[in-house]
Amino acid sequence: MQKHRFRAGDRVVVSDPANGNVRPGVYTIIRALPVSSNGCEYRAKSALDTFERIVEEASLRPAKDG
């Protein structure tokens, strides 16, 4: 069974050139979603958006703090 790599509050960098609906940049994980056929997914929010997005774990990497 797959396990989520990130938790709520983690800062991540989203980079998914195949998905034009997701703006690249730093996001904060809001919550982990149940594992689906797409693998692990999360609700995440960028400081540049007023809404949350669903992002796949494969398009995430930890953000460097500082």
Protein backbone atom coordinates (compact mmCIF):
# COMPACT_ATOMS: atom_id res chain seq x y z
CA MET A 1 0.00 0.00 0.00
CA GLN A 2 1.28 3.45 -0.91
CA LYS A 3 1.94 5.99 1.82
CA HIS A 4 1.86 9.75 1.51
CA ARG A 5 5.26 11.41 1.52
CA PHE A 6 4.03 14.83 2.71
CA ARG A 7 1.82 16.01 5.56
CA ALA A 8 -0.42 19.01 6.20
CA GLY A 9 1.67 22.14 6.62
CA ASP A 10 4.59 20.90 4.51
CA ARG A 11 5.85 23.34 1.88
CA VAL A 12 6.42 21.82 -1.55
CA VAL A 13 7.41 22.92 -5.02
CA VAL A 14 4.94 21.97 -7.74
CA SER A 15 6.35 21.35 -11.17
CA ASP A 16 4.02 19.65 -13.64
CA PRO A 17 4.64 20.90 -17.19
CA ALA A 18 2.04 18.45 -18.54
CA ASN A 19 -0.71 20.09 -16.46
CA GLY A 20 -1.35 23.65 -17.61
CA ASN A 21 -3.98 24.10 -14.88
CA VAL A 22 -1.43 24.10 -12.07
CA ARG A 23 0.78 27.15 -11.68
CA PRO A 24 4.39 26.14 -10.91
CA GLY A 25 5.73 27.37 -7.59
CA VAL A 26 5.70 26.87 -3.83
CA TYR A 27 2.54 25.45 -2.25
CA THR A 28 1.51 24.46 1.27
CA ILE A 29 -0.07 21.04 1.71
CA ILE A 30 -3.56 21.47 3.19
CA ARG A 31 -4.35 17.78 3.53
CA ALA A 32 -3.62 14.38 2.03
CA LEU A 33 -6.36 12.79 -0.06
CA PRO A 34 -7.16 9.08 -0.12
CA VAL A 35 -4.88 7.08 -2.42
CA SER A 36 -6.51 6.77 -5.85
CA SER A 37 -5.66 5.12 -9.15
CA ASN A 38 -3.44 8.19 -9.78
CA GLY A 39 -1.44 7.43 -6.63
CA CYS A 40 -1.07 9.81 -3.70
CA GLU A 41 -2.73 13.21 -4.10
CA TYR A 42 -3.04 16.31 -1.95
CA ARG A 43 -5.03 19.49 -1.58
CA ALA A 44 -2.49 22.30 -1.73
CA LYS A 45 -2.60 26.10 -1.78
CA SER A 46 -0.24 28.65 -3.24
CA ALA A 47 0.05 32.11 -1.69
CA LEU A 48 -0.61 33.43 -5.22
CA ASP A 49 -4.04 31.74 -5.50
CA THR A 50 -7.27 32.27 -3.61
CA PHE A 51 -8.25 28.59 -3.88
CA GLU A 52 -6.84 25.13 -3.27
CA ARG A 53 -5.73 22.74 -5.99
CA ILE A 54 -5.41 18.96 -6.18
CA VAL A 55 -1.85 17.94 -6.99
CA GLU A 56 -0.29 14.53 -7.57
CA GLU A 57 2.66 13.50 -5.43
CA ALA A 58 4.73 12.72 -8.54
CA SER A 59 4.77 16.45 -9.38
CA LEU A 60 5.99 17.54 -5.91
CA ARG A 61 9.34 17.98 -4.24
CA PRO A 62 10.16 19.45 -0.82
CA ALA A 63 10.63 23.23 -0.81
CA LYS A 64 13.90 24.52 0.53
CA ASP A 65 13.25 26.77 3.50
CA GLY A 66 15.26 29.92 3.83
